[in-house]
Amino acid sequence: MTDIPAPEKLVGALSSGLKILRYLARSPSPVGVTRIAKDLELNASTCFNLLKTLVHERLVAFDESTKTYSVSLGLVELARGTLEKASYVRMMHPHLQELANRHNITTTLWQVSHGDRVVLVDLAESGSALRVHMNIGQRLPMYIAALGRCMAAHSGLTALEIRRKVSELRWEDGPSFESYMSEVEKVRQHGYAVDHGNYVKGVITVSSPILDSQSRPLMAVSAVGFSTQFSQISLQALCEDLRERCREATIAVSGGMVRKLWEN
């Protein structure tokens, strides 16, 4: 792993607190404050105060009977986002690969990120020599292409707010806002969106959203291929196949709380 250069000024208390957490995470059994302070070369009083703070924040548990410390389940809460993301990728990858093989396209899994962006967290490719290549980790504006219509459909934003966000996007052959909103409404009805070369000329993308327990967009699956690959029948088959995978994923991710999704 590449070392991250230290900033010019470190916050000593924070660094020491993190050292304690890492130490306890590695310890096979609970440890007392004296041992922790000695092993980490910390002042005993400082170590004790840091431990009290970590206990208060539910990151460390204190056993009154043995006067020892261990990591708490509060750490899981901090890591939940990363753990969930990894579990979603594992859950969806077989579906991505099956879609790619069945429809001879590239399938991608996008995670909602900060700043109105989505990030590509997984993909699957068919064995075809003619396919669209993408890179895990790349980011896109949240409201662009087919996946953007899916995000907008479940965003809870007003038409004016969506217009403001869409007006900032760069397309090769962008749709009118009226056309965009019409397609957003179709997502609410049918559960998928199709971009016919608006974002990139000659490329068709089909997307369907994965929603959380509050029916908010959490992720989206997109299928990408060249326009010449599809007939009307094959494109419709892809749309329906993709939608059903995302319907199943939404039910799983929401814990069954979201079941009524799209009309047809």
C-alpha atoms as a PDB file:
ATOM      1  CA  MET A   1       0.000   0.000   0.000  1.00  0.00           C
ATOM      2  CA  THR A   2       1.335   3.432  -0.867  1.00  0.00           C
ATOM      3  CA  ASP A   3       2.183   5.556   2.185  1.00  0.00           C
ATOM      4  CA  ILE A   4       0.122   8.733   2.499  1.00  0.00           C
ATOM      5  CA  PRO A   5       2.339  11.749   3.222  1.00  0.00           C
ATOM      6  CA  ALA A   6       1.663  13.328   6.611  1.00  0.00           C
ATOM      7  CA  PRO A   7       0.168  16.827   6.661  1.00  0.00           C
ATOM      8  CA  GLU A   8       2.295  19.653   7.975  1.00  0.00           C
ATOM      9  CA  LYS A   9       0.428  19.698  11.271  1.00  0.00           C
ATOM     10  CA  LEU A  10      -1.094  16.580  12.835  1.00  0.00           C
ATOM     11  CA  VAL A  11      -3.695  16.711  15.599  1.00  0.00           C
ATOM     12  CA  GLY A  12      -1.861  14.812  18.309  1.00  0.00           C
ATOM     13  CA  ALA A  13      -4.897  13.758  20.352  1.00  0.00           C
ATOM     14  CA  LEU A  14      -6.653  12.407  17.294  1.00  0.00           C
ATOM     15  CA  SER A  15      -3.576  10.463  16.181  1.00  0.00           C
ATOM     16  CA  SER A  16      -3.179   8.986  19.652  1.00  0.00           C
ATOM     17  CA  GLY A  17      -6.841   8.029  19.809  1.00  0.00           C
ATOM     18  CA  LEU A  18      -6.601   6.247  16.467  1.00  0.00           C
ATOM     19  CA  LYS A  19      -3.453   4.442  17.626  1.00  0.00           C
ATOM     20  CA  ILE A  20      -5.432   3.165  20.603  1.00  0.00           C
ATOM     21  CA  LEU A  21      -8.272   1.953  18.385  1.00  0.00           C
ATOM     22  CA  ARG A  22      -5.872   0.119  16.070  1.00  0.00           C
ATOM     23  CA  TYR A  23      -4.082  -1.394  19.066  1.00  0.00           C
ATOM     24  CA  LEU A  24      -7.321  -2.677  20.616  1.00  0.00           C
ATOM     25  CA  ALA A  25      -8.531  -3.986  17.253  1.00  0.00           C
ATOM     26  CA  ARG A  26      -5.392  -6.149  17.038  1.00  0.00           C
ATOM     27  CA  SER A  27      -5.533  -7.336  20.665  1.00  0.00           C
ATOM     28  CA  PRO A  28      -6.920 -10.872  21.107  1.00  0.00           C
ATOM     29  CA  SER A  29      -8.323  -9.981  24.555  1.00  0.00           C
ATOM     30  CA  PRO A  30      -9.290  -6.835  26.527  1.00  0.00           C
ATOM     31  CA  VAL A  31      -6.364  -4.733  27.781  1.00  0.00           C
ATOM     32  CA  GLY A  32      -5.849  -2.458  30.799  1.00  0.00           C
ATOM     33  CA  VAL A  33      -4.911   1.208  30.562  1.00  0.00           C
ATOM     34  CA  THR A  34      -1.405   0.700  31.990  1.00  0.00           C
ATOM     35  CA  ARG A  35      -0.527  -1.883  29.359  1.00  0.00           C
ATOM     36  CA  ILE A  36      -1.995   0.241  26.566  1.00  0.00           C
ATOM     37  CA  ALA A  37      -0.071   3.337  27.644  1.00  0.00           C
ATOM     38  CA  LYS A  38       3.182   1.390  27.927  1.00  0.00           C
ATOM     39  CA  ASP A  39       2.872  -0.409  24.594  1.00  0.00           C
ATOM     40  CA  LEU A  40       1.953   2.778  22.743  1.00  0.00           C
ATOM     41  CA  GLU A  41       4.408   4.965  24.656  1.00  0.00           C
ATOM     42  CA  LEU A  42       1.663   7.319  25.792  1.00  0.00           C
ATOM     43  CA  ASN A  43       1.398   9.300  29.001  1.00  0.00           C
ATOM     44  CA  ALA A  44      -0.773   7.226  31.347  1.00  0.00           C
ATOM     45  CA  SER A  45      -3.082  10.123  32.237  1.00  0.00           C
ATOM     46  CA  THR A  46      -3.476  11.113  28.570  1.00  0.00           C
ATOM     47  CA  CYS A  47      -4.172   7.506  27.600  1.00  0.00           C
ATOM     48  CA  PHE A  48      -6.813   7.204  30.327  1.00  0.00           C
ATOM     49  CA  ASN A  49      -8.581  10.372  29.162  1.00  0.00           C
ATOM     50  CA  LEU A  50      -8.504   9.254  25.545  1.00  0.00           C
ATOM     51  CA  LEU A  51      -9.999   5.905  26.528  1.00  0.00           C
ATOM     52  CA  LYS A  52     -12.780   7.625  28.489  1.00  0.00           C
ATOM     53  CA  THR A  53     -13.589   9.702  25.410  1.00  0.00           C
ATOM     54  CA  LEU A  54     -13.611   6.642  23.157  1.00  0.00           C
ATOM     55  CA  VAL A  55     -15.903   4.828  25.592  1.00  0.00           C
ATOM     56  CA  HIS A  56     -18.243   7.841  25.623  1.00  0.00           C
ATOM     57  CA  GLU A  57     -18.338   7.771  21.796  1.00  0.00           C
ATOM     58  CA  ARG A  58     -19.143   4.020  21.898  1.00  0.00           C
ATOM     59  CA  LEU A  59     -16.018   3.116  19.947  1.00  0.00           C
ATOM     60  CA  VAL A  60     -14.424   1.343  22.934  1.00  0.00           C
ATOM     61  CA  ALA A  61     -16.079  -0.811  25.624  1.00  0.00           C
ATOM     62  CA  PHE A  62     -14.946  -0.757  29.282  1.00  0.00           C
ATOM     63  CA  ASP A  63     -15.306  -3.820  31.508  1.00  0.00           C
ATOM     64  CA  GLU A  64     -15.831  -2.534  35.047  1.00  0.00           C
ATOM     65  CA  SER A  65     -15.053  -5.883  36.657  1.00  0.00           C
ATOM     66  CA  THR A  66     -11.640  -6.358  35.019  1.00  0.00           C
ATOM     67  CA  LYS A  67     -10.831  -2.688  34.363  1.00  0.00           C
ATOM     68  CA  THR A  68      -9.986  -3.519  30.773  1.00  0.00           C
ATOM     69  CA  TYR A  69     -10.848  -2.081  27.369  1.00  0.00           C
ATOM     70  CA  SER A  70     -11.823  -3.580  24.025  1.00  0.00           C
ATOM     71  CA  VAL A  71     -13.251  -2.308  20.743  1.00  0.00           C
ATOM     72  CA  SER A  72     -16.998  -1.717  20.701  1.00  0.00           C
ATOM     73  CA  LEU A  73     -19.681  -2.330  18.102  1.00  0.00           C
ATOM     74  CA  GLY A  74     -19.749   1.440  17.584  1.00  0.00           C
ATOM     75  CA  LEU A  75     -16.859   0.863  15.192  1.00  0.00           C
ATOM     76  CA  VAL A  76     -19.180  -1.178  12.988  1.00  0.00           C
ATOM     77  CA  GLU A  77     -21.463   1.837  12.697  1.00  0.00           C
ATOM     78  CA  LEU A  78     -18.546   3.890  11.386  1.00  0.00           C
ATOM     79  CA  ALA A  79     -17.568   1.191   8.910  1.00  0.00           C
ATOM     80  CA  ARG A  80     -21.121   0.359   7.846  1.00  0.00           C
ATOM     81  CA  GLY A  81     -21.033   2.400   4.651  1.00  0.00           C
ATOM     82  CA  THR A  82     -17.896   0.677   3.410  1.00  0.00           C
ATOM     83  CA  LEU A  83     -19.088  -2.753   4.529  1.00  0.00           C
ATOM     84  CA  GLU A  84     -22.464  -2.278   2.853  1.00  0.00           C
ATOM     85  CA  LYS A  85     -20.845  -1.118  -0.352  1.00  0.00           C
ATOM     86  CA  ALA A  86     -18.669  -4.233  -0.469  1.00  0.00           C
ATOM     87  CA  SER A  87     -21.634  -6.500   0.260  1.00  0.00           C
ATOM     88  CA  TYR A  88     -23.714  -4.840  -2.477  1.00  0.00           C
ATOM     89  CA  VAL A  89     -20.945  -5.433  -4.998  1.00  0.00           C
ATOM     90  CA  ARG A  90     -20.738  -9.115  -4.036  1.00  0.00           C
ATOM     91  CA  MET A  91     -24.517  -9.422  -4.248  1.00  0.00           C
ATOM     92  CA  MET A  92     -24.828  -7.773  -7.644  1.00  0.00           C
ATOM     93  CA  HIS A  93     -21.783  -9.063  -9.503  1.00  0.00           C
ATOM     94  CA  PRO A  94     -23.304 -12.396 -10.619  1.00  0.00           C
ATOM     95  CA  HIS A  95     -26.267 -10.457 -12.023  1.00  0.00           C
ATOM     96  CA  LEU A  96     -23.958  -8.042 -13.834  1.00  0.00           C
ATOM     97  CA  GLN A  97     -22.047 -10.902 -15.414  1.00  0.00           C
ATOM     98  CA  GLU A  98     -25.168 -12.792 -16.434  1.00  0.00           C
ATOM     99  CA  LEU A  99     -26.641  -9.668 -18.026  1.00  0.00           C
ATOM    100  CA  ALA A 100     -23.377  -8.988 -19.869  1.00  0.00           C
ATOM    101  CA  ASN A 101     -23.172 -12.515 -21.219  1.00  0.00           C
ATOM    102  CA  ARG A 102     -26.849 -12.803 -22.100  1.00  0.00           C
ATOM    103  CA  HIS A 103     -27.126  -9.464 -23.900  1.00  0.00           C
ATOM    104  CA  ASN A 104     -23.540  -9.138 -25.147  1.00  0.00           C
ATOM    105  CA  ILE A 105     -22.976  -5.774 -23.463  1.00  0.00           C
ATOM    106  CA  THR A 106     -20.978  -4.157 -20.641  1.00  0.00           C
ATOM    107  CA  THR A 107     -22.852  -3.842 -17.348  1.00  0.00           C
ATOM    108  CA  THR A 108     -21.908  -1.389 -14.624  1.00  0.00           C
ATOM    109  CA  LEU A 109     -22.856  -0.786 -10.986  1.00  0.00           C
ATOM    110  CA  TRP A 110     -22.917   2.847  -9.847  1.00  0.00           C
ATOM    111  CA  GLN A 111     -22.932   4.013  -6.225  1.00  0.00           C
ATOM    112  CA  VAL A 112     -24.325   7.372  -5.179  1.00  0.00           C
ATOM    113  CA  SER A 113     -21.466   9.540  -3.921  1.00  0.00           C
ATOM    114  CA  HIS A 114     -21.207  13.076  -2.555  1.00  0.00           C
ATOM    115  CA  GLY A 115     -21.458  16.272  -4.531  1.00  0.00           C
ATOM    116  CA  ASP A 116     -24.157  15.008  -6.914  1.00  0.00           C
ATOM    117  CA  ARG A 117     -21.825  12.370  -8.341  1.00  0.00           C
ATOM    118  CA  VAL A 118     -21.939   8.621  -8.818  1.00  0.00           C
ATOM    119  CA  VAL A 119     -18.921   6.334  -8.782  1.00  0.00           C
ATOM    120  CA  LEU A 120     -18.436   3.105 -10.729  1.00  0.00           C
ATOM    121  CA  VAL A 121     -17.900   0.343  -8.155  1.00  0.00           C
ATOM    122  CA  ASP A 122     -18.166  -2.792 -10.303  1.00  0.00           C
ATOM    123  CA  LEU A 123     -18.584  -3.933 -13.896  1.00  0.00           C
ATOM    124  CA  ALA A 124     -18.853  -7.032 -16.035  1.00  0.00           C
ATOM    125  CA  GLU A 125     -18.006  -7.449 -19.705  1.00  0.00           C
ATOM    126  CA  SER A 126     -19.116  -9.913 -22.331  1.00  0.00           C
ATOM    127  CA  GLY A 127     -16.623 -11.940 -24.326  1.00  0.00           C
ATOM    128  CA  SER A 128     -17.259  -9.842 -27.426  1.00  0.00           C
ATOM    129  CA  ALA A 129     -14.336  -8.035 -29.003  1.00  0.00           C
ATOM    130  CA  LEU A 130     -16.713  -5.142 -29.703  1.00  0.00           C
ATOM    131  CA  ARG A 131     -17.595  -3.676 -26.318  1.00  0.00           C
ATOM    132  CA  VAL A 132     -17.523  -0.436 -24.379  1.00  0.00           C
ATOM    133  CA  HIS A 133     -14.613  -0.245 -21.938  1.00  0.00           C
ATOM    134  CA  MET A 134     -14.972   1.519 -18.581  1.00  0.00           C
ATOM    135  CA  ASN A 135     -12.838   1.770 -15.440  1.00  0.00           C
ATOM    136  CA  ILE A 136     -13.856   1.078 -11.852  1.00  0.00           C
ATOM    137  CA  GLY A 137     -13.518   4.241  -9.795  1.00  0.00           C
ATOM    138  CA  GLN A 138     -14.539   6.657 -12.539  1.00  0.00           C
ATOM    139  CA  ARG A 139     -17.161   9.239 -11.605  1.00  0.00           C
ATOM    140  CA  LEU A 140     -20.059  10.811 -13.427  1.00  0.00           C
ATOM    141  CA  PRO A 141     -22.546  13.584 -12.673  1.00  0.00           C
ATOM    142  CA  MET A 142     -25.521  12.003 -10.917  1.00  0.00           C
ATOM    143  CA  TYR A 143     -28.172  13.244 -13.323  1.00  0.00           C
ATOM    144  CA  ILE A 144     -26.602  12.433 -16.678  1.00  0.00           C
ATOM    145  CA  ALA A 145     -27.388   9.677 -19.197  1.00  0.00           C
ATOM    146  CA  ALA A 146     -29.868   6.890 -18.468  1.00  0.00           C
ATOM    147  CA  LEU A 147     -28.788   6.464 -14.860  1.00  0.00           C
ATOM    148  CA  GLY A 148     -29.315  10.186 -14.317  1.00  0.00           C
ATOM    149  CA  ARG A 149     -32.951   9.909 -15.341  1.00  0.00           C
ATOM    150  CA  CYS A 150     -33.320   7.074 -12.808  1.00  0.00           C
ATOM    151  CA  MET A 151     -31.724   9.153 -10.059  1.00  0.00           C
ATOM    152  CA  ALA A 152     -33.920  12.152 -10.879  1.00  0.00           C
ATOM    153  CA  ALA A 153     -37.073  10.018 -10.842  1.00  0.00           C
ATOM    154  CA  HIS A 154     -36.533   9.030  -7.202  1.00  0.00           C
ATOM    155  CA  SER A 155     -34.663  12.112  -5.962  1.00  0.00           C
ATOM    156  CA  GLY A 156     -37.629  13.895  -4.434  1.00  0.00           C
ATOM    157  CA  LEU A 157     -36.482  17.084  -6.195  1.00  0.00           C
ATOM    158  CA  THR A 158     -38.889  19.527  -7.795  1.00  0.00           C
ATOM    159  CA  ALA A 159     -38.857  20.052 -11.558  1.00  0.00           C
ATOM    160  CA  LEU A 160     -37.172  23.421 -11.005  1.00  0.00           C
ATOM    161  CA  GLU A 161     -34.411  21.840  -8.937  1.00  0.00           C
ATOM    162  CA  ILE A 162     -33.891  19.115 -11.534  1.00  0.00           C
ATOM    163  CA  ARG A 163     -33.769  21.721 -14.302  1.00  0.00           C
ATOM    164  CA  ARG A 164     -31.026  23.576 -12.451  1.00  0.00           C
ATOM    165  CA  LYS A 165     -28.924  20.435 -12.105  1.00  0.00           C
ATOM    166  CA  VAL A 166     -29.497  19.213 -15.665  1.00  0.00           C
ATOM    167  CA  SER A 167     -28.596  22.622 -17.110  1.00  0.00           C
ATOM    168  CA  GLU A 168     -25.046  22.179 -15.786  1.00  0.00           C
ATOM    169  CA  LEU A 169     -24.460  18.850 -17.561  1.00  0.00           C
ATOM    170  CA  ARG A 170     -22.416  18.266 -20.710  1.00  0.00           C
ATOM    171  CA  TRP A 171     -23.888  15.955 -23.334  1.00  0.00           C
ATOM    172  CA  GLU A 172     -22.801  15.202 -26.884  1.00  0.00           C
ATOM    173  CA  ASP A 173     -26.402  15.509 -28.053  1.00  0.00           C
ATOM    174  CA  GLY A 174     -28.409  16.536 -25.020  1.00  0.00           C
ATOM    175  CA  PRO A 175     -32.198  16.135 -24.837  1.00  0.00           C
ATOM    176  CA  SER A 176     -34.504  19.077 -24.242  1.00  0.00           C
ATOM    177  CA  PHE A 177     -35.512  19.480 -20.619  1.00  0.00           C
ATOM    178  CA  GLU A 178     -39.094  18.600 -21.538  1.00  0.00           C
ATOM    179  CA  SER A 179     -37.905  15.363 -23.138  1.00  0.00           C
ATOM    180  CA  TYR A 180     -35.677  14.627 -20.132  1.00  0.00           C
ATOM    181  CA  MET A 181     -38.563  15.078 -17.684  1.00  0.00           C
ATOM    182  CA  SER A 182     -40.853  12.953 -19.831  1.00  0.00           C
ATOM    183  CA  GLU A 183     -38.301  10.136 -19.610  1.00  0.00           C
ATOM    184  CA  VAL A 184     -37.947  10.697 -15.852  1.00  0.00           C
ATOM    185  CA  GLU A 185     -41.691  10.131 -15.519  1.00  0.00           C
ATOM    186  CA  LYS A 186     -41.377   6.923 -17.555  1.00  0.00           C
ATOM    187  CA  VAL A 187     -38.801   5.672 -15.030  1.00  0.00           C
ATOM    188  CA  ARG A 188     -41.388   6.102 -12.267  1.00  0.00           C
ATOM    189  CA  GLN A 189     -43.836   4.072 -14.337  1.00  0.00           C
ATOM    190  CA  HIS A 190     -41.645   1.402 -15.912  1.00  0.00           C
ATOM    191  CA  GLY A 191     -38.513   1.219 -13.742  1.00  0.00           C
ATOM    192  CA  TYR A 192     -35.855   1.887 -16.360  1.00  0.00           C
ATOM    193  CA  ALA A 193     -34.472   4.597 -18.630  1.00  0.00           C
ATOM    194  CA  VAL A 194     -32.798   4.481 -22.038  1.00  0.00           C
ATOM    195  CA  ASP A 195     -30.282   6.988 -23.373  1.00  0.00           C
ATOM    196  CA  HIS A 196     -30.218   6.804 -27.179  1.00  0.00           C
ATOM    197  CA  GLY A 197     -26.864   8.465 -27.833  1.00  0.00           C
ATOM    198  CA  ASN A 198     -27.613  11.670 -25.894  1.00  0.00           C
ATOM    199  CA  TYR A 199     -24.646  11.359 -23.587  1.00  0.00           C
ATOM    200  CA  VAL A 200     -22.277   9.711 -26.084  1.00  0.00           C
ATOM    201  CA  LYS A 201     -23.242   9.503 -29.747  1.00  0.00           C
ATOM    202  CA  GLY A 202     -23.499   5.984 -31.079  1.00  0.00           C
ATOM    203  CA  VAL A 203     -23.816   4.479 -27.595  1.00  0.00           C
ATOM    204  CA  ILE A 204     -27.007   3.274 -25.913  1.00  0.00           C
ATOM    205  CA  THR A 205     -27.257   2.991 -22.141  1.00  0.00           C
ATOM    206  CA  VAL A 206     -30.075   1.351 -20.205  1.00  0.00           C
ATOM    207  CA  SER A 207     -30.344   1.920 -16.454  1.00  0.00           C
ATOM    208  CA  SER A 208     -32.523   0.908 -13.543  1.00  0.00           C
ATOM    209  CA  PRO A 209     -32.245   2.168  -9.949  1.00  0.00           C
ATOM    210  CA  ILE A 210     -31.703   0.286  -6.695  1.00  0.00           C
ATOM    211  CA  LEU A 211     -33.577   2.008  -3.871  1.00  0.00           C
ATOM    212  CA  ASP A 212     -33.047   2.031  -0.104  1.00  0.00           C
ATOM    213  CA  SER A 213     -35.721   1.566   2.573  1.00  0.00           C
ATOM    214  CA  GLN A 214     -36.827   5.190   2.119  1.00  0.00           C
ATOM    215  CA  SER A 215     -37.238   4.675  -1.647  1.00  0.00           C
ATOM    216  CA  ARG A 216     -34.236   6.900  -2.327  1.00  0.00           C
ATOM    217  CA  PRO A 217     -31.710   6.005  -5.026  1.00  0.00           C
ATOM    218  CA  LEU A 218     -28.759   4.151  -3.557  1.00  0.00           C
ATOM    219  CA  MET A 219     -27.225   2.611  -6.655  1.00  0.00           C
ATOM    220  CA  ALA A 220     -28.033   2.035 -10.311  1.00  0.00           C
ATOM    221  CA  VAL A 221     -27.187  -0.699 -12.775  1.00  0.00           C
ATOM    222  CA  SER A 222     -26.400   0.448 -16.299  1.00  0.00           C
ATOM    223  CA  ALA A 223     -25.966  -1.610 -19.452  1.00  0.00           C
ATOM    224  CA  VAL A 224     -23.823  -0.050 -22.153  1.00  0.00           C
ATOM    225  CA  GLY A 225     -23.511  -1.009 -25.804  1.00  0.00           C
ATOM    226  CA  PHE A 226     -23.154   0.402 -29.289  1.00  0.00           C
ATOM    227  CA  SER A 227     -26.351   1.486 -31.028  1.00  0.00           C
ATOM    228  CA  THR A 228     -25.731  -0.927 -33.902  1.00  0.00           C
ATOM    229  CA  GLN A 229     -25.894  -3.895 -31.503  1.00  0.00           C
ATOM    230  CA  PHE A 230     -29.573  -3.512 -30.698  1.00  0.00           C
ATOM    231  CA  SER A 231     -32.829  -4.217 -32.421  1.00  0.00           C
ATOM    232  CA  GLN A 232     -36.049  -2.946 -30.902  1.00  0.00           C
ATOM    233  CA  ILE A 233     -36.798  -6.430 -29.588  1.00  0.00           C
ATOM    234  CA  SER A 234     -33.350  -7.028 -28.083  1.00  0.00           C
ATOM    235  CA  LEU A 235     -33.334  -3.592 -26.464  1.00  0.00           C
ATOM    236  CA  GLN A 236     -36.721  -4.166 -24.841  1.00  0.00           C
ATOM    237  CA  ALA A 237     -35.590  -7.560 -23.561  1.00  0.00           C
ATOM    238  CA  LEU A 238     -32.530  -5.934 -21.983  1.00  0.00           C
ATOM    239  CA  CYS A 239     -34.652  -3.216 -20.352  1.00  0.00           C
ATOM    240  CA  GLU A 240     -36.982  -5.736 -18.763  1.00  0.00           C
ATOM    241  CA  ASP A 241     -34.201  -8.070 -17.649  1.00  0.00           C
ATOM    242  CA  LEU A 242     -32.258  -5.209 -16.068  1.00  0.00           C
ATOM    243  CA  ARG A 243     -35.344  -3.837 -14.323  1.00  0.00           C
ATOM    244  CA  GLU A 244     -36.189  -7.183 -12.733  1.00  0.00           C
ATOM    245  CA  ARG A 245     -32.657  -7.586 -11.366  1.00  0.00           C
ATOM    246  CA  CYS A 246     -32.866  -4.122  -9.802  1.00  0.00           C
ATOM    247  CA  ARG A 247     -36.349  -4.844  -8.457  1.00  0.00           C
ATOM    248  CA  GLU A 248     -34.984  -7.901  -6.654  1.00  0.00           C
ATOM    249  CA  ALA A 249     -31.972  -5.928  -5.412  1.00  0.00           C
ATOM    250  CA  THR A 250     -34.208  -3.139  -4.077  1.00  0.00           C
ATOM    251  CA  ILE A 251     -36.312  -5.615  -2.114  1.00  0.00           C
ATOM    252  CA  ALA A 252     -33.134  -7.141  -0.658  1.00  0.00           C
ATOM    253  CA  VAL A 253     -31.379  -3.858   0.132  1.00  0.00           C
ATOM    254  CA  SER A 254     -34.491  -2.286   1.681  1.00  0.00           C
ATOM    255  CA  GLY A 255     -35.088  -5.312   3.870  1.00  0.00           C
ATOM    256  CA  GLY A 256     -38.388  -5.904   2.094  1.00  0.00           C
ATOM    257  CA  MET A 257     -39.681  -2.443   3.031  1.00  0.00           C
ATOM    258  CA  VAL A 258     -39.905  -1.362  -0.612  1.00  0.00           C
ATOM    259  CA  ARG A 259     -41.986  -3.785  -2.665  1.00  0.00           C
ATOM    260  CA  LYS A 260     -44.360  -1.627  -4.678  1.00  0.00           C
ATOM    261  CA  LEU A 261     -42.079  -0.247  -7.345  1.00  0.00           C
ATOM    262  CA  TRP A 262     -43.041   0.148 -10.964  1.00  0.00           C
ATOM    263  CA  GLU A 263     -46.310  -0.353 -12.733  1.00  0.00           C
ATOM    264  CA  ASN A 264     -45.020  -2.499 -15.585  1.00  0.00           C
END
